[in-house]
C-alpha atoms as a PDB file:
ATOM      1  CA  UNK A   1      11.673   7.221   9.586  1.00  0.00           C
ATOM      2  CA  UNK A   2       9.944   9.378   6.977  1.00  0.00           C
ATOM      3  CA  UNK A   3       8.239   8.615   3.509  1.00  0.00           C
ATOM      4  CA  UNK A   4       7.893  10.664   0.612  1.00  0.00           C
ATOM      5  CA  UNK A   5       3.923  10.505   0.559  1.00  0.00           C
ATOM      6  CA  UNK A   6       2.998  14.066  -0.359  1.00  0.00           C
ATOM      7  CA  UNK A   7      -0.672  13.423  -1.877  1.00  0.00           C
ATOM      8  CA  UNK A   8      -4.086  13.470   0.235  1.00  0.00           C
ATOM      9  CA  UNK A   9      -4.717   9.898  -0.816  1.00  0.00           C
ATOM     10  CA  UNK A  10      -2.933   6.206  -1.734  1.00  0.00           C
ATOM     11  CA  UNK A  11      -4.781   4.257  -3.994  1.00  0.00           C
ATOM     12  CA  UNK A  12      -3.888   0.012  -3.658  1.00  0.00           C
ATOM     13  CA  UNK A  13      -2.373  -1.500  -6.779  1.00  0.00           C
ATOM     14  CA  UNK A  14      -4.248  -4.711  -6.275  1.00  0.00           C
ATOM     15  CA  UNK A  15      -7.556  -3.096  -7.630  1.00  0.00           C
ATOM     16  CA  UNK A  16      -5.629  -1.547 -10.434  1.00  0.00           C
ATOM     17  CA  UNK A  17      -7.346  -4.110 -12.925  1.00  0.00           C
ATOM     18  CA  UNK A  18     -10.628  -3.785 -11.768  1.00  0.00           C
ATOM     19  CA  UNK A  19     -12.863  -1.720 -14.445  1.00  0.00           C
ATOM     20  CA  UNK A  20     -14.628   1.033 -12.634  1.00  0.00           C
ATOM     21  CA  UNK A  21     -13.274   0.319  -9.365  1.00  0.00           C
ATOM     22  CA  UNK A  22     -12.561   3.425  -7.033  1.00  0.00           C
ATOM     23  CA  UNK A  23     -10.535   2.545  -3.649  1.00  0.00           C
ATOM     24  CA  UNK A  24      -8.393   4.796  -1.699  1.00  0.00           C
ATOM     25  CA  UNK A  25      -7.057   5.607   1.656  1.00  0.00           C
ATOM     26  CA  UNK A  26      -6.554   9.369   2.857  1.00  0.00           C
ATOM     27  CA  UNK A  27      -3.146  10.303   4.279  1.00  0.00           C
ATOM     28  CA  UNK A  28      -2.640  13.438   6.499  1.00  0.00           C
ATOM     29  CA  UNK A  29      -1.834  15.746   3.435  1.00  0.00           C
ATOM     30  CA  UNK A  30      -3.490  18.443   1.607  1.00  0.00           C
ATOM     31  CA  UNK A  31      -6.017  19.533   3.831  1.00  0.00           C
ATOM     32  CA  UNK A  32      -7.005  22.634   5.921  1.00  0.00           C
ATOM     33  CA  UNK A  33      -7.100  21.847   9.274  1.00  0.00           C
ATOM     34  CA  UNK A  34      -4.206  23.309  11.945  1.00  0.00           C
ATOM     35  CA  UNK A  35      -2.952  22.276  15.143  1.00  0.00           C
ATOM     36  CA  UNK A  36      -2.975  18.902  16.437  1.00  0.00           C
ATOM     37  CA  UNK A  37      -5.282  18.491  13.318  1.00  0.00           C
ATOM     38  CA  UNK A  38      -3.177  19.156  10.587  1.00  0.00           C
ATOM     39  CA  UNK A  39      -4.015  18.603   7.961  1.00  0.00           C
ATOM     40  CA  UNK A  40      -6.276  16.486   6.171  1.00  0.00           C
ATOM     41  CA  UNK A  41      -8.787  15.237   9.146  1.00  0.00           C
ATOM     42  CA  UNK A  42     -11.728  13.681   7.802  1.00  0.00           C
ATOM     43  CA  UNK A  43     -13.196  12.420  10.958  1.00  0.00           C
ATOM     44  CA  UNK A  44     -16.194  13.440  11.595  1.00  0.00           C
ATOM     45  CA  UNK A  45     -16.675  12.957  15.650  1.00  0.00           C
ATOM     46  CA  UNK A  46     -13.296  14.756  16.263  1.00  0.00           C
ATOM     47  CA  UNK A  47     -13.012  18.279  18.056  1.00  0.00           C
ATOM     48  CA  UNK A  48     -11.625  19.784  14.839  1.00  0.00           C
ATOM     49  CA  UNK A  49     -13.072  22.679  13.322  1.00  0.00           C
ATOM     50  CA  UNK A  50     -16.328  21.366  11.451  1.00  0.00           C
ATOM     51  CA  UNK A  51     -15.935  23.914   8.581  1.00  0.00           C
ATOM     52  CA  UNK A  52     -12.308  22.635   8.232  1.00  0.00           C
ATOM     53  CA  UNK A  53     -13.741  18.928   8.224  1.00  0.00           C
ATOM     54  CA  UNK A  54     -16.301  19.602   5.294  1.00  0.00           C
ATOM     55  CA  UNK A  55     -13.357  21.231   3.294  1.00  0.00           C
ATOM     56  CA  UNK A  56     -11.360  18.557   3.828  1.00  0.00           C
ATOM     57  CA  UNK A  57     -13.644  15.611   2.812  1.00  0.00           C
ATOM     58  CA  UNK A  58     -14.589  17.877  -0.188  1.00  0.00           C
ATOM     59  CA  UNK A  59     -10.874  17.672  -1.006  1.00  0.00           C
ATOM     60  CA  UNK A  60     -10.526  14.337  -0.685  1.00  0.00           C
ATOM     61  CA  UNK A  61     -13.510  13.147  -2.358  1.00  0.00           C
ATOM     62  CA  UNK A  62     -13.222  15.346  -5.446  1.00  0.00           C
ATOM     63  CA  UNK A  63      -9.432  14.068  -5.793  1.00  0.00           C
ATOM     64  CA  UNK A  64     -10.943  10.794  -6.701  1.00  0.00           C
ATOM     65  CA  UNK A  65     -13.778  12.372  -8.484  1.00  0.00           C
ATOM     66  CA  UNK A  66     -16.432  11.928  -6.276  1.00  0.00           C
ATOM     67  CA  UNK A  67     -19.287  13.919  -4.139  1.00  0.00           C
ATOM     68  CA  UNK A  68     -19.980  13.698  -0.556  1.00  0.00           C
ATOM     69  CA  UNK A  69     -23.570  12.924  -1.686  1.00  0.00           C
ATOM     70  CA  UNK A  70     -22.081   9.651  -2.692  1.00  0.00           C
ATOM     71  CA  UNK A  71     -20.909   8.634   0.592  1.00  0.00           C
ATOM     72  CA  UNK A  72     -21.676   6.132   3.093  1.00  0.00           C
ATOM     73  CA  UNK A  73     -20.096   5.866   6.369  1.00  0.00           C
ATOM     74  CA  UNK A  74     -20.886   4.666   9.936  1.00  0.00           C
ATOM     75  CA  UNK A  75     -20.184   5.751  13.653  1.00  0.00           C
ATOM     76  CA  UNK A  76     -18.069   2.798  14.475  1.00  0.00           C
ATOM     77  CA  UNK A  77     -17.713   1.216  17.810  1.00  0.00           C
ATOM     78  CA  UNK A  78     -15.111  -1.312  17.504  1.00  0.00           C
ATOM     79  CA  UNK A  79     -17.930  -4.007  17.143  1.00  0.00           C
ATOM     80  CA  UNK A  80     -18.673  -6.642  14.673  1.00  0.00           C
ATOM     81  CA  UNK A  81     -22.030  -5.159  13.330  1.00  0.00           C
ATOM     82  CA  UNK A  82     -22.282  -5.427   9.624  1.00  0.00           C
ATOM     83  CA  UNK A  83     -24.473  -3.055   8.006  1.00  0.00           C
ATOM     84  CA  UNK A  84     -25.526  -3.671   4.212  1.00  0.00           C
ATOM     85  CA  UNK A  85     -26.165   0.050   2.570  1.00  0.00           C
ATOM     86  CA  UNK A  86     -28.438   0.595  -0.167  1.00  0.00           C
ATOM     87  CA  UNK A  87     -27.759   4.638   0.220  1.00  0.00           C
ATOM     88  CA  UNK A  88     -25.613   7.310   1.057  1.00  0.00           C
ATOM     89  CA  UNK A  89     -25.404   8.533   4.818  1.00  0.00           C
ATOM     90  CA  UNK A  90     -24.327   8.140   8.161  1.00  0.00           C
ATOM     91  CA  UNK A  91     -25.366   5.139   9.956  1.00  0.00           C
ATOM     92  CA  UNK A  92     -24.419   4.447  13.857  1.00  0.00           C
ATOM     93  CA  UNK A  93     -23.213   1.631  15.397  1.00  0.00           C
ATOM     94  CA  UNK A  94     -21.597  -0.383  12.732  1.00  0.00           C
ATOM     95  CA  UNK A  95     -17.955  -1.378  11.727  1.00  0.00           C
ATOM     96  CA  UNK A  96     -18.443  -2.855   8.321  1.00  0.00           C
ATOM     97  CA  UNK A  97     -20.461  -1.531   5.294  1.00  0.00           C
ATOM     98  CA  UNK A  98     -20.977  -4.030   2.198  1.00  0.00           C
ATOM     99  CA  UNK A  99     -23.323  -2.801  -0.701  1.00  0.00           C
ATOM    100  CA  UNK A 100     -23.690  -3.705  -4.520  1.00  0.00           C
ATOM    101  CA  UNK A 101     -24.977  -0.364  -5.177  1.00  0.00           C
ATOM    102  CA  UNK A 102     -23.271   1.358  -8.235  1.00  0.00           C
ATOM    103  CA  UNK A 103     -22.037   5.294  -7.340  1.00  0.00           C
ATOM    104  CA  UNK A 104     -21.920   4.398  -3.423  1.00  0.00           C
ATOM    105  CA  UNK A 105     -18.594   4.600  -2.163  1.00  0.00           C
ATOM    106  CA  UNK A 106     -18.147   2.996   1.487  1.00  0.00           C
ATOM    107  CA  UNK A 107     -16.024   4.418   4.103  1.00  0.00           C
ATOM    108  CA  UNK A 108     -14.353   3.785   7.510  1.00  0.00           C
ATOM    109  CA  UNK A 109     -12.571   5.721   9.674  1.00  0.00           C
ATOM    110  CA  UNK A 110      -9.091   4.991  10.833  1.00  0.00           C
ATOM    111  CA  UNK A 111      -6.207   6.480  13.281  1.00  0.00           C
ATOM    112  CA  UNK A 112      -4.769   2.993  14.472  1.00  0.00           C
ATOM    113  CA  UNK A 113      -7.036   0.352  13.762  1.00  0.00           C
ATOM    114  CA  UNK A 114      -6.954  -1.496  10.710  1.00  0.00           C
ATOM    115  CA  UNK A 115      -8.891  -1.191   7.624  1.00  0.00           C
ATOM    116  CA  UNK A 116      -9.480  -3.404   5.237  1.00  0.00           C
ATOM    117  CA  UNK A 117     -11.319  -3.080   1.433  1.00  0.00           C
ATOM    118  CA  UNK A 118     -12.777  -6.243  -0.402  1.00  0.00           C
ATOM    119  CA  UNK A 119     -14.395  -5.880  -3.920  1.00  0.00           C
ATOM    120  CA  UNK A 120     -15.610  -8.838  -5.844  1.00  0.00           C
ATOM    121  CA  UNK A 121     -15.389  -7.978  -9.593  1.00  0.00           C
ATOM    122  CA  UNK A 122     -17.875 -10.524 -10.503  1.00  0.00           C
ATOM    123  CA  UNK A 123     -20.847  -9.151  -8.722  1.00  0.00           C
ATOM    124  CA  UNK A 124     -19.544  -5.919  -8.299  1.00  0.00           C
ATOM    125  CA  UNK A 125     -19.732  -6.021  -4.330  1.00  0.00           C
ATOM    126  CA  UNK A 126     -17.572  -4.204  -1.891  1.00  0.00           C
ATOM    127  CA  UNK A 127     -17.272  -4.001   1.656  1.00  0.00           C
ATOM    128  CA  UNK A 128     -15.090  -1.833   4.124  1.00  0.00           C
ATOM    129  CA  UNK A 129     -14.297  -3.040   7.546  1.00  0.00           C
ATOM    130  CA  UNK A 130     -12.718  -1.454  10.628  1.00  0.00           C
ATOM    131  CA  UNK A 131     -11.175  -3.869  12.685  1.00  0.00           C
ATOM    132  CA  UNK A 132      -9.438  -2.858  15.727  1.00  0.00           C
ATOM    133  CA  UNK A 133      -8.189  -5.661  18.382  1.00  0.00           C
ATOM    134  CA  UNK A 134     -11.671  -6.085  19.244  1.00  0.00           C
ATOM    135  CA  UNK A 135     -13.254  -6.546  16.014  1.00  0.00           C
ATOM    136  CA  UNK A 136      -9.979  -8.516  15.056  1.00  0.00           C
ATOM    137  CA  UNK A 137     -10.921 -11.065  17.679  1.00  0.00           C
ATOM    138  CA  UNK A 138     -14.629 -10.886  17.152  1.00  0.00           C
ATOM    139  CA  UNK A 139     -13.896 -12.020  13.522  1.00  0.00           C
ATOM    140  CA  UNK A 140     -15.502  -9.405  11.736  1.00  0.00           C
ATOM    141  CA  UNK A 141     -13.671  -9.836   8.371  1.00  0.00           C
ATOM    142  CA  UNK A 142     -14.890 -13.604   8.560  1.00  0.00           C
ATOM    143  CA  UNK A 143     -18.372 -12.325   8.946  1.00  0.00           C
ATOM    144  CA  UNK A 144     -18.137  -9.566   6.577  1.00  0.00           C
ATOM    145  CA  UNK A 145     -16.888 -12.046   3.851  1.00  0.00           C
ATOM    146  CA  UNK A 146     -19.839 -14.431   5.087  1.00  0.00           C
ATOM    147  CA  UNK A 147     -22.685 -11.949   4.385  1.00  0.00           C
ATOM    148  CA  UNK A 148     -21.121 -10.852   1.312  1.00  0.00           C
ATOM    149  CA  UNK A 149     -21.862 -14.226   0.192  1.00  0.00           C
ATOM    150  CA  UNK A 150     -25.283 -14.444   1.940  1.00  0.00           C
ATOM    151  CA  UNK A 151     -26.238 -11.072   0.288  1.00  0.00           C
ATOM    152  CA  UNK A 152     -24.958 -10.784  -3.078  1.00  0.00           C
ATOM    153  CA  UNK A 153     -23.833 -14.508  -3.952  1.00  0.00           C
ATOM    154  CA  UNK A 154     -20.133 -13.469  -3.456  1.00  0.00           C
ATOM    155  CA  UNK A 155     -17.421 -16.320  -4.165  1.00  0.00           C
ATOM    156  CA  UNK A 156     -14.320 -15.568  -1.712  1.00  0.00           C
ATOM    157  CA  UNK A 157     -12.269 -16.781  -4.423  1.00  0.00           C
ATOM    158  CA  UNK A 158     -12.886 -13.952  -6.591  1.00  0.00           C
ATOM    159  CA  UNK A 159     -12.438 -11.341  -4.469  1.00  0.00           C
ATOM    160  CA  UNK A 160      -9.209  -9.164  -3.811  1.00  0.00           C
ATOM    161  CA  UNK A 161      -8.372  -7.546  -0.656  1.00  0.00           C
ATOM    162  CA  UNK A 162      -6.617  -4.581   0.679  1.00  0.00           C
ATOM    163  CA  UNK A 163      -5.219  -4.347   4.637  1.00  0.00           C
ATOM    164  CA  UNK A 164      -4.829  -0.464   5.137  1.00  0.00           C
ATOM    165  CA  UNK A 165      -2.183   1.388   6.911  1.00  0.00           C
ATOM    166  CA  UNK A 166      -2.505   0.987  10.944  1.00  0.00           C
ATOM    167  CA  UNK A 167      -0.154   0.865  14.038  1.00  0.00           C
ATOM    168  CA  UNK A 168       1.945  -1.876  12.952  1.00  0.00           C
ATOM    169  CA  UNK A 169       3.423  -4.848  15.454  1.00  0.00           C
ATOM    170  CA  UNK A 170       6.707  -2.840  16.404  1.00  0.00           C
ATOM    171  CA  UNK A 171       3.913   0.033  17.847  1.00  0.00           C
ATOM    172  CA  UNK A 172       1.190  -2.361  19.242  1.00  0.00           C
ATOM    173  CA  UNK A 173       2.421  -2.524  22.930  1.00  0.00           C
ATOM    174  CA  UNK A 174      -0.192  -4.467  24.667  1.00  0.00           C
ATOM    175  CA  UNK A 175      -0.697  -6.032  28.004  1.00  0.00           C
ATOM    176  CA  UNK A 176      -1.799  -9.621  28.333  1.00  0.00           C
ATOM    177  CA  UNK A 177      -5.601  -9.009  28.863  1.00  0.00           C
ATOM    178  CA  UNK A 178      -5.409  -8.368  25.089  1.00  0.00           C
ATOM    179  CA  UNK A 179      -2.919 -10.469  24.040  1.00  0.00           C
ATOM    180  CA  UNK A 180      -4.202 -13.543  25.420  1.00  0.00           C
ATOM    181  CA  UNK A 181      -7.105 -13.186  22.816  1.00  0.00           C
ATOM    182  CA  UNK A 182      -4.864 -13.729  19.933  1.00  0.00           C
ATOM    183  CA  UNK A 183      -3.105 -16.992  18.744  1.00  0.00           C
ATOM    184  CA  UNK A 184       0.571 -17.036  19.279  1.00  0.00           C
ATOM    185  CA  UNK A 185       1.545 -16.258  15.462  1.00  0.00           C
ATOM    186  CA  UNK A 186      -0.137 -12.956  16.077  1.00  0.00           C
ATOM    187  CA  UNK A 187       1.744 -11.890  19.504  1.00  0.00           C
ATOM    188  CA  UNK A 188       5.237 -11.751  20.393  1.00  0.00           C
ATOM    189  CA  UNK A 189       6.414 -11.071  23.962  1.00  0.00           C
ATOM    190  CA  UNK A 190       9.085  -8.675  24.724  1.00  0.00           C
ATOM    191  CA  UNK A 191      11.337  -9.655  28.036  1.00  0.00           C
ATOM    192  CA  UNK A 192      12.730  -6.367  28.352  1.00  0.00           C
ATOM    193  CA  UNK A 193       9.662  -4.403  28.064  1.00  0.00           C
ATOM    194  CA  UNK A 194       7.673  -7.138  29.792  1.00  0.00           C
ATOM    195  CA  UNK A 195       4.885  -6.074  26.901  1.00  0.00           C
ATOM    196  CA  UNK A 196       3.513  -8.096  24.531  1.00  0.00           C
ATOM    197  CA  UNK A 197       3.184  -6.765  20.633  1.00  0.00           C
ATOM    198  CA  UNK A 198       0.223  -7.631  18.404  1.00  0.00           C
ATOM    199  CA  UNK A 199       0.151  -7.948  14.833  1.00  0.00           C
ATOM    200  CA  UNK A 200      -3.455  -6.848  13.721  1.00  0.00           C
ATOM    201  CA  UNK A 201      -2.486  -6.901   9.582  1.00  0.00           C
ATOM    202  CA  UNK A 202      -1.202 -10.550   9.661  1.00  0.00           C
ATOM    203  CA  UNK A 203      -4.239 -11.299  12.172  1.00  0.00           C
ATOM    204  CA  UNK A 204      -6.888 -10.005   9.614  1.00  0.00           C
ATOM    205  CA  UNK A 205      -4.708 -11.566   6.701  1.00  0.00           C
ATOM    206  CA  UNK A 206      -5.166 -14.667   8.024  1.00  0.00           C
ATOM    207  CA  UNK A 207      -8.926 -14.047   8.660  1.00  0.00           C
ATOM    208  CA  UNK A 208      -9.131 -13.210   4.753  1.00  0.00           C
ATOM    209  CA  UNK A 209      -7.186 -16.629   3.636  1.00  0.00           C
ATOM    210  CA  UNK A 210      -9.315 -18.624   5.882  1.00  0.00           C
ATOM    211  CA  UNK A 211     -12.291 -17.024   4.349  1.00  0.00           C
ATOM    212  CA  UNK A 212     -11.146 -18.285   1.180  1.00  0.00           C
ATOM    213  CA  UNK A 213      -9.709 -15.329  -0.532  1.00  0.00           C
ATOM    214  CA  UNK A 214      -6.320 -16.180  -2.288  1.00  0.00           C
ATOM    215  CA  UNK A 215      -2.977 -15.052  -0.896  1.00  0.00           C
ATOM    216  CA  UNK A 216      -2.191 -13.332  -4.072  1.00  0.00           C
ATOM    217  CA  UNK A 217      -5.213 -11.054  -4.147  1.00  0.00           C
ATOM    218  CA  UNK A 218      -4.627  -9.466  -0.880  1.00  0.00           C
ATOM    219  CA  UNK A 219      -2.586  -6.411  -0.679  1.00  0.00           C
ATOM    220  CA  UNK A 220      -1.068  -5.093   2.851  1.00  0.00           C
ATOM    221  CA  UNK A 221      -0.100  -1.413   3.391  1.00  0.00           C
ATOM    222  CA  UNK A 222       3.703  -0.948   3.983  1.00  0.00           C
ATOM    223  CA  UNK A 223       3.048   1.958   5.997  1.00  0.00           C
ATOM    224  CA  UNK A 224       2.206   2.381   9.989  1.00  0.00           C
ATOM    225  CA  UNK A 225       0.491   4.964  11.200  1.00  0.00           C
ATOM    226  CA  UNK A 226       2.723   5.153  14.492  1.00  0.00           C
ATOM    227  CA  UNK A 227       6.226   4.919  12.344  1.00  0.00           C
ATOM    228  CA  UNK A 228       4.954   6.621   9.843  1.00  0.00           C
ATOM    229  CA  UNK A 229       3.312   9.768  11.762  1.00  0.00           C
ATOM    230  CA  UNK A 230       4.061  12.674   9.728  1.00  0.00           C
ATOM    231  CA  UNK A 231       1.799  10.777   6.631  1.00  0.00           C
ATOM    232  CA  UNK A 232      -0.705   9.401   8.859  1.00  0.00           C
ATOM    233  CA  UNK A 233      -2.872  10.104  12.043  1.00  0.00           C
ATOM    234  CA  UNK A 234      -2.079   7.987  15.023  1.00  0.00           C
ATOM    235  CA  UNK A 235      -4.350   8.016  18.200  1.00  0.00           C
ATOM    236  CA  UNK A 236      -1.766   6.292  20.616  1.00  0.00           C
ATOM    237  CA  UNK A 237       1.130   8.348  19.431  1.00  0.00           C
ATOM    238  CA  UNK A 238      -0.545  11.392  19.403  1.00  0.00           C
ATOM    239  CA  UNK A 239      -2.657  10.680  22.867  1.00  0.00           C
ATOM    240  CA  UNK A 240      -6.133  10.811  21.346  1.00  0.00           C
ATOM    241  CA  UNK A 241      -5.899  14.340  19.986  1.00  0.00           C
ATOM    242  CA  UNK A 242      -5.407  14.162  16.671  1.00  0.00           C
ATOM    243  CA  UNK A 243      -7.056  13.466  12.875  1.00  0.00           C
ATOM    244  CA  UNK A 244      -8.665  10.539  11.357  1.00  0.00           C
ATOM    245  CA  UNK A 245      -8.076   8.943   7.933  1.00  0.00           C
ATOM    246  CA  UNK A 246     -10.660   7.659   5.692  1.00  0.00           C
ATOM    247  CA  UNK A 247     -10.795   4.379   3.712  1.00  0.00           C
ATOM    248  CA  UNK A 248     -12.806   4.240   0.506  1.00  0.00           C
ATOM    249  CA  UNK A 249     -14.157   1.680  -1.718  1.00  0.00           C
ATOM    250  CA  UNK A 250     -17.130   1.380  -4.373  1.00  0.00           C
ATOM    251  CA  UNK A 251     -17.727   0.717  -8.218  1.00  0.00           C
ATOM    252  CA  UNK A 252     -18.661   3.480 -10.388  1.00  0.00           C
ATOM    253  CA  UNK A 253     -22.042   2.919 -12.909  1.00  0.00           C
ATOM    254  CA  UNK A 254     -21.039   1.443 -15.984  1.00  0.00           C
END
């Protein structure tokens, strides 16, 4: 199955009505990387040519009218640690970033795990979350919303959220050691394969709703990193030797 994506980034429609908000997820198109990393690899921790990665990041950020000096990121460890960010730079050991600082844009790195972007137009606070299966069962989405409330006075019902492109249920084949952590609504047993299939998008959407975000204020990407692998990187499908996408969110200054 192929798509018709040609752009270096996609911008969620759920945030369109919020003045000054920039939110986007990258694709694998429009960059300069070669081979397994072709073309727009944005992953700083990959074995790709560092010069190519730097140019790819410049291309992506420039397409959004941003500079690399406005970007905050973290080395992700598939945990549930959340960092309140006050300035650009790269932290270590966090899977969710939050801020209410204008002109500071949060990013998470993706190649199958689920990215979630959250924005509150009232407080102008934002969050970028990396939720693999470990982060999902640890409740990183729920914990991030609780942290937004504590730090910035966010009310969940005011927020909008985007669940980005990741591995879809039809491709996320797991054994019981993983599936046992998920409620029945989020897993399916395939008798012929003797495997479970887990739906990370649905699990994280439920966390958003249970935390108080209204269902109509949540957008879910229709794309899959595996099924639409010509447009997105997939760690699983490409056996670990592949690029990374970024999901990004932040408010411009008034």
